[in-house]
Protein backbone atom coordinates (compact mmCIF):
# COMPACT_ATOMS: atom_id res chain seq x y z
CA MET A 1 -18.66 10.51 28.76
CA THR A 2 -17.72 6.96 27.36
CA TRP A 3 -21.66 6.05 27.46
CA LEU A 4 -22.56 9.17 25.69
CA THR A 5 -19.94 8.44 23.02
CA TRP A 6 -21.40 5.05 22.35
CA ARG A 7 -24.84 6.13 22.34
CA GLN A 8 -23.82 9.01 19.49
CA PHE A 9 -21.59 6.20 17.77
CA ARG A 10 -23.88 2.89 18.17
CA VAL A 11 -25.53 3.29 14.73
CA GLN A 12 -22.23 3.36 13.08
CA THR A 13 -20.58 0.83 15.40
CA LEU A 14 -22.93 -1.93 14.48
CA VAL A 15 -23.43 -0.95 10.95
CA THR A 16 -19.43 -1.42 10.60
CA ALA A 17 -19.39 -4.41 12.90
CA GLY A 18 -22.00 -6.00 10.10
CA ALA A 19 -19.81 -4.99 7.32
CA LEU A 20 -16.50 -6.18 9.01
CA ALA A 21 -18.54 -9.73 9.54
CA SER A 22 -19.94 -10.20 6.10
CA LEU A 23 -16.35 -9.43 4.76
CA ALA A 24 -14.73 -11.52 7.01
CA ILE A 25 -16.70 -14.53 5.67
CA TYR A 26 -16.08 -13.77 2.05
CA LEU A 27 -12.26 -13.17 2.64
CA ILE A 28 -12.00 -16.30 4.45
CA TYR A 29 -13.82 -18.09 1.43
CA LEU A 30 -11.51 -16.01 -0.94
CA GLY A 31 -8.41 -17.29 1.00
CA SER A 32 -9.41 -21.09 0.82
CA GLU A 33 -10.19 -20.78 -3.03
CA ILE A 34 -6.51 -19.37 -3.42
CA ARG A 35 -5.15 -21.77 -1.21
CA SER A 36 -6.77 -24.49 -2.88
CA PHE A 37 -5.51 -23.36 -6.29
CA TYR A 38 -2.19 -22.60 -5.11
CA ASP A 39 -1.79 -26.49 -3.45
CA GLU A 40 -3.24 -28.11 -6.65
CA ARG A 41 -1.54 -26.29 -9.27
CA ILE A 42 1.73 -24.37 -8.05
CA ALA A 43 2.99 -26.00 -5.00
CA ASN A 44 4.67 -28.86 -6.76
CA CYS A 45 4.86 -27.65 -10.37
CA THR A 46 7.66 -27.66 -12.54
CA ALA A 47 9.32 -25.39 -15.65
CA GLN A 48 6.29 -24.58 -18.00
CA ALA A 49 3.35 -25.74 -15.66
CA CYS A 50 4.56 -23.38 -13.14
CA TYR A 51 4.31 -20.61 -15.72
CA LEU A 52 0.80 -21.77 -16.99
CA ALA A 53 -0.33 -21.95 -13.08
CA ARG A 54 0.89 -18.54 -12.32
CA MET A 55 -0.88 -16.94 -15.05
CA ASP A 56 -3.99 -18.92 -14.21
CA LEU A 57 -3.96 -17.74 -10.68
CA ARG A 58 -3.77 -14.15 -11.79
CA ALA A 59 -6.30 -14.57 -14.39
CA SER A 60 -8.60 -16.47 -11.87
CA PHE A 61 -8.17 -14.02 -8.63
CA ASP A 62 -6.33 -10.67 -9.99
CA ASP A 63 -9.79 -8.86 -10.49
CA THR A 64 -11.00 -9.77 -6.73
CA VAL A 65 -7.98 -9.35 -5.21
CA GLN A 66 -7.51 -5.82 -6.83
CA LEU A 67 -10.97 -4.97 -5.73
CA MET A 68 -10.54 -6.11 -1.90
CA THR A 69 -7.24 -4.17 -2.14
CA VAL A 70 -8.93 -0.79 -3.48
CA LEU A 71 -11.50 -1.45 -0.77
CA LEU A 72 -9.44 -1.36 1.90
CA ILE A 73 -7.39 1.52 0.55
CA ALA A 74 -10.57 3.41 0.61
CA VAL A 75 -11.81 2.71 4.01
CA PRO A 76 -9.17 5.26 5.91
CA GLY A 77 -10.36 7.93 3.56
CA LEU A 78 -14.07 7.28 4.20
CA ILE A 79 -13.24 7.12 8.06
CA GLY A 80 -11.98 10.56 7.89
CA VAL A 81 -14.66 11.84 5.68
CA PHE A 82 -17.57 10.32 7.73
CA TRP A 83 -16.42 9.83 11.01
CA GLY A 84 -13.73 12.59 11.64
CA ALA A 85 -15.28 15.47 9.72
CA PRO A 86 -18.61 15.50 11.19
CA LEU A 87 -17.54 14.99 14.79
CA VAL A 88 -16.86 18.61 15.96
CA SER A 89 -18.16 20.44 12.75
CA GLN A 90 -21.70 19.12 13.30
CA GLU A 91 -21.83 20.46 16.68
CA LEU A 92 -20.51 24.03 15.98
CA GLU A 93 -22.81 24.11 12.58
CA GLN A 94 -25.80 23.15 14.58
CA ARG A 95 -24.71 25.31 17.71
CA THR A 96 -25.30 22.35 19.93
CA ASP A 97 -21.48 23.14 21.00
CA ARG A 98 -23.08 25.91 23.58
CA LEU A 99 -24.78 23.16 25.47
CA VAL A 100 -22.16 20.57 25.16
CA TRP A 101 -19.11 22.37 26.03
CA ASN A 102 -20.93 24.19 29.10
CA GLN A 103 -21.84 20.97 30.91
CA SER A 104 -19.31 19.58 33.65
CA VAL A 105 -17.30 17.92 30.90
CA THR A 106 -14.91 20.14 29.89
CA ARG A 107 -14.35 20.93 26.06
CA THR A 108 -10.79 19.59 26.23
CA ARG A 109 -12.05 16.46 28.13
CA TRP A 110 -14.99 15.62 25.46
CA LEU A 111 -12.63 16.05 22.75
CA ALA A 112 -9.82 13.57 24.41
CA VAL A 113 -12.67 10.92 24.86
CA LYS A 114 -13.78 11.36 21.52
CA LEU A 115 -10.34 11.17 19.86
CA ALA A 116 -9.53 8.35 21.97
CA ILE A 117 -12.45 6.06 21.83
CA LEU A 118 -13.44 6.65 18.09
CA GLY A 119 -9.74 7.04 16.99
CA LEU A 120 -9.05 3.55 18.47
CA PHE A 121 -11.97 2.05 16.86
CA SER A 122 -11.13 3.47 13.41
CA ALA A 123 -7.86 1.73 13.90
CA ALA A 124 -9.24 -1.38 14.68
CA VAL A 125 -11.53 -1.41 11.75
CA ALA A 126 -8.63 -0.96 9.11
CA GLY A 127 -6.61 -3.32 11.34
CA LEU A 128 -8.91 -6.09 11.27
CA PHE A 129 -9.80 -5.61 7.47
CA SER A 130 -6.25 -5.39 6.73
CA LEU A 131 -5.45 -8.89 8.74
CA LEU A 132 -8.31 -10.55 7.03
CA LEU A 133 -7.14 -9.30 3.53
CA THR A 134 -3.50 -10.04 4.30
CA TRP A 135 -4.36 -13.69 5.53
CA SER A 136 -6.65 -14.13 2.50
CA VAL A 137 -4.34 -13.16 -0.31
CA SER A 138 -1.09 -14.32 1.26
CA ARG A 139 -0.44 -17.08 -1.52
CA TYR A 140 -1.53 -14.70 -4.02
CA ASP A 141 1.18 -12.37 -3.06
CA GLU A 142 3.56 -15.15 -2.65
CA VAL A 143 3.40 -15.71 -6.56
CA VAL A 144 2.89 -12.65 -7.89
CA GLY A 145 5.70 -11.18 -5.35
CA GLU A 146 4.87 -7.61 -5.77
CA ARG A 147 4.83 -6.47 -1.91
CA PHE A 148 6.50 -2.98 -2.30
CA ALA A 149 3.64 -2.17 -5.35
CA ALA A 150 1.83 0.87 -4.32
CA LEU A 151 -1.52 -1.13 -3.88
CA SER A 152 -0.34 -4.11 -2.37
CA PHE A 153 2.04 -2.26 0.49
CA ASP A 154 -1.04 0.28 1.28
CA SER A 155 -3.50 -2.40 2.26
CA ARG A 156 -1.30 -5.12 3.88
CA ASN A 157 -0.12 -5.86 7.33
CA ILE A 158 0.02 -2.95 9.67
CA VAL A 159 0.26 0.31 7.77
CA PRO A 160 -3.78 0.64 7.21
CA ILE A 161 -3.67 1.14 11.05
CA GLY A 162 -1.80 4.35 10.53
CA TYR A 163 -3.66 5.62 7.73
CA ALA A 164 -6.98 5.21 9.29
CA LEU A 165 -6.06 6.69 12.71
CA PHE A 166 -4.44 9.81 10.82
CA ALA A 167 -7.48 10.30 8.39
CA PHE A 168 -10.09 10.14 11.29
CA VAL A 169 -7.69 12.80 13.48
CA LEU A 170 -7.54 14.67 10.15
CA GLY A 171 -11.15 14.85 9.29
CA THR A 172 -12.10 15.90 12.91
CA ILE A 173 -9.29 18.72 13.06
CA VAL A 174 -10.51 20.11 9.67
CA GLY A 175 -13.99 20.15 10.86
CA MET A 176 -12.96 21.80 14.10
CA VAL A 177 -11.15 24.50 12.05
CA VAL A 178 -13.79 25.14 8.74
CA ARG A 179 -16.47 24.83 11.02
CA ARG A 180 -18.91 23.50 8.44
CA THR A 181 -19.25 19.73 7.82
CA LEU A 182 -19.68 19.66 3.76
CA PRO A 183 -16.12 21.62 3.51
CA ALA A 184 -14.49 19.49 6.13
CA MET A 185 -15.82 16.29 4.46
CA ALA A 186 -14.16 17.59 1.06
CA ILE A 187 -10.98 19.11 2.43
CA THR A 188 -10.15 15.93 4.48
CA LEU A 189 -10.97 13.93 1.41
CA ALA A 190 -8.56 15.88 -0.70
CA ALA A 191 -5.77 16.09 1.91
CA PHE A 192 -5.78 12.56 2.33
CA ALA A 193 -6.02 11.24 -0.95
CA ALA A 194 -3.10 13.80 -2.10
CA LEU A 195 -0.85 12.33 0.63
CA GLN A 196 -1.74 8.56 -0.28
CA LEU A 197 -0.49 9.68 -3.85
CA LEU A 198 2.61 11.47 -2.56
CA ILE A 199 3.80 8.94 -0.09
CA PRO A 200 4.12 5.95 -2.57
CA THR A 201 5.34 7.87 -5.54
CA VAL A 202 7.87 10.29 -3.77
CA ILE A 203 8.43 9.54 -0.23
CA ARG A 204 8.46 5.91 0.59
CA GLN A 205 11.47 4.79 -2.04
CA ASN A 206 13.48 7.45 0.06
CA LEU A 207 12.68 6.27 3.80
CA MET A 208 16.02 4.10 3.48
CA PRO A 209 19.06 4.83 1.05
CA PRO A 210 18.49 2.37 -1.82
CA VAL A 211 21.11 -0.67 -2.57
CA THR A 212 22.71 -0.92 -6.16
CA ASP A 213 23.63 -4.72 -6.77
CA THR A 214 25.59 -5.90 -10.11
CA VAL A 215 23.21 -8.52 -11.35
CA ALA A 216 24.78 -11.08 -14.08
CA VAL A 217 22.58 -11.90 -17.13
CA ASP A 218 21.91 -15.87 -17.01
CA ALA A 219 18.94 -17.79 -17.86
CA ALA A 220 16.98 -17.26 -15.01
CA VAL A 221 17.04 -13.32 -15.78
CA LEU A 222 16.31 -13.73 -19.23
CA ASN A 223 13.13 -15.86 -18.49
CA SER A 224 11.84 -13.24 -15.86
CA GLY A 225 10.25 -11.04 -18.41
CA VAL A 226 12.73 -8.67 -19.36
CA GLY A 227 13.24 -7.00 -22.61
CA LEU A 228 16.60 -5.67 -24.24
CA HIS A 229 16.02 -2.36 -25.47
CA LEU A 230 18.34 -0.87 -28.24
CA LYS A 231 18.85 2.65 -27.46
CA GLN A 232 20.16 5.43 -30.30
CA ASP A 233 23.33 5.52 -29.72
CA ASN A 234 23.38 1.70 -30.23
CA THR A 235 23.81 0.32 -27.06
CA PHE A 236 21.28 -1.89 -25.06
CA ASP A 237 19.30 -1.35 -21.92
CA ILE A 238 17.49 -4.11 -19.96
CA GLN A 239 14.09 -3.27 -19.25
CA GLY A 240 11.64 -4.55 -16.57
CA TYR A 241 13.95 -6.76 -14.12
CA ASN A 242 12.39 -7.04 -10.78
CA ALA A 243 14.02 -9.78 -8.11
CA VAL A 244 11.54 -11.60 -6.42
CA GLY A 245 10.53 -9.57 -3.16
CA SER A 246 12.62 -6.55 -3.84
CA TRP A 247 11.60 -2.89 -4.96
CA SER A 248 12.99 -1.81 -8.46
CA LEU A 249 13.61 1.82 -8.46
CA ALA A 250 14.39 1.78 -12.06
CA PHE A 251 12.79 0.35 -15.27
CA SER A 252 15.64 -0.10 -17.22
CA ALA A 253 19.49 -0.29 -16.70
CA PRO A 254 22.55 -0.32 -19.21
CA LEU A 255 23.85 -3.64 -20.26
CA TYR A 256 27.55 -4.17 -19.81
CA LYS A 257 30.26 -6.82 -21.39
CA ALA A 258 32.55 -8.41 -18.67
CA ASP A 259 35.28 -5.57 -19.19
CA GLY A 260 32.59 -2.82 -18.38
CA SER A 261 32.11 -1.71 -21.66
CA PRO A 262 28.42 -0.84 -22.78
CA TYR A 263 26.85 -3.86 -24.89
CA ARG A 264 26.53 -2.74 -28.26
CA SER A 265 24.58 -3.73 -31.55
CA GLU A 266 27.44 -5.43 -33.30
CA ASP A 267 27.94 -7.35 -30.16
CA SER A 268 24.36 -8.81 -30.33
CA LYS A 269 24.49 -9.96 -34.04
CA ALA A 270 25.86 -13.35 -33.43
CA CYS A 271 22.94 -14.00 -30.99
CA SER A 272 20.11 -12.26 -32.77
CA VAL A 273 20.72 -14.23 -36.15
CA LEU A 274 19.87 -17.63 -34.56
CA ASP A 275 16.34 -18.70 -34.91
CA ASP A 276 16.11 -20.78 -31.62
CA ARG A 277 15.04 -18.84 -28.97
CA ALA A 278 16.66 -21.10 -26.11
CA ALA A 279 19.83 -21.26 -28.51
CA SER A 280 19.77 -17.29 -28.69
CA ASP A 281 19.42 -17.01 -25.06
CA ALA A 282 22.23 -19.14 -24.10
CA CYS A 283 24.56 -17.30 -26.60
CA THR A 284 23.69 -14.02 -24.73
CA VAL A 285 24.20 -15.85 -21.30
CA ALA A 286 27.68 -16.74 -22.78
CA GLN A 287 28.81 -13.34 -23.47
CA ASN A 288 28.67 -12.66 -19.89
CA LEU A 289 26.72 -9.65 -19.63
CA HIS A 290 25.73 -7.50 -16.47
CA PHE A 291 23.92 -4.35 -15.31
CA GLU A 292 23.42 -2.28 -11.92
CA TYR A 293 20.12 -3.12 -10.51
CA VAL A 294 18.94 -0.24 -8.10
CA ASN A 295 16.57 -1.36 -5.41
CA GLN A 296 15.15 -1.69 -1.99
CA PRO A 297 16.04 -5.18 -0.86
CA GLY A 298 12.90 -7.59 0.01
CA ASN A 299 14.20 -7.96 3.60
CA ARG A 300 13.35 -4.28 4.67
CA TYR A 301 9.60 -4.76 3.73
CA TRP A 302 9.02 -5.04 7.46
CA THR A 303 11.03 -1.97 8.35
CA PHE A 304 9.28 0.27 5.71
CA GLN A 305 6.12 -0.80 7.19
CA TRP A 306 7.12 -0.21 10.87
CA ILE A 307 8.61 3.39 9.20
CA GLU A 308 5.47 4.19 7.61
CA LEU A 309 3.16 3.32 10.61
CA SER A 310 5.40 5.63 12.66
CA MET A 311 5.24 8.55 10.23
CA PHE A 312 1.31 8.42 10.27
CA LEU A 313 1.04 8.05 14.35
CA GLY A 314 3.61 11.01 14.45
CA LEU A 315 1.53 12.94 12.22
CA SER A 316 -2.01 12.36 14.17
CA LEU A 317 -0.05 13.24 17.69
CA LEU A 318 0.86 16.61 16.05
CA LEU A 319 -2.74 17.08 14.49
CA THR A 320 -4.08 16.06 17.92
CA GLY A 321 -1.98 18.52 19.64
CA PHE A 322 -2.66 21.29 17.13
CA GLY A 323 -6.32 20.45 17.82
CA PHE A 324 -6.45 20.94 21.57
CA PHE A 325 -4.33 24.41 20.99
CA TRP A 326 -7.03 25.62 18.74
CA LEU A 327 -9.75 24.38 21.14
CA ARG A 328 -8.31 26.31 23.76
CA ARG A 329 -7.31 29.34 21.46
CA ARG A 330 -11.12 29.61 20.46
CA SER A 331 -12.60 29.23 24.02
């Protein structure tokens, strides 16, 4: 049964191996280029030179990194569509199931071997691609510091393994139920894409209770790219703050004075009349302002990775169980 599976899947295996080898060569080259830039321009930089070097890093590599990231995110969906969906549906559509499932190998064993071998291969493909990409762009991620961002989180480390396995099993079970290859491929793609949108926008941020930190407005905060927004009630919000490595769950937060009262427009007048940016920032810092920062701390990154991997492995097992139930029920 294993030999038969290899015979049926050898073309896809060889094509995938060739694609992975090509990607490996390119990602090793890309990683070397990013590391060289980091060592020359960023590793020992200071003040304004650091800011310019970071901007140049993003300008030089941002498009390439995003392209590789989107490609990896697409891989599990493609596995589900082109490997999973046709696996059983083609047998049913072409009526070869009557021959295959009436031999000495039972249909249950046939499905188990297919799911095990091809599922593990799917997970290995996504895992190797993710390992290569994670290593290649590690210095870029260190500078950009957006590990929790949807695209970065979904394409780094271990979660792509869960995505690929789930997408393959999803495609297989949808094909088994729908019994037509093209509709099964369309449903698999739509369902997996919907889940990939739902997880980072609705579910992921609630996997663990968020943390609320009180952040003092100092020079580092003001130089981190934040903005002060005057609202209609003449109070200020601070917008765009994101502590390095953490996941900010709110774009803006009310700004408060030391006594806990809102920071109002009349409080800012003494600083706003100053022409010099440095003097204005120093004046703002001297007012002892603070705000509440709702976030998922950076030290939870790997916890979130393991939780999400476990979720998709669990979903894969549930779908597998349903597949065997469906197969026996239809036998």
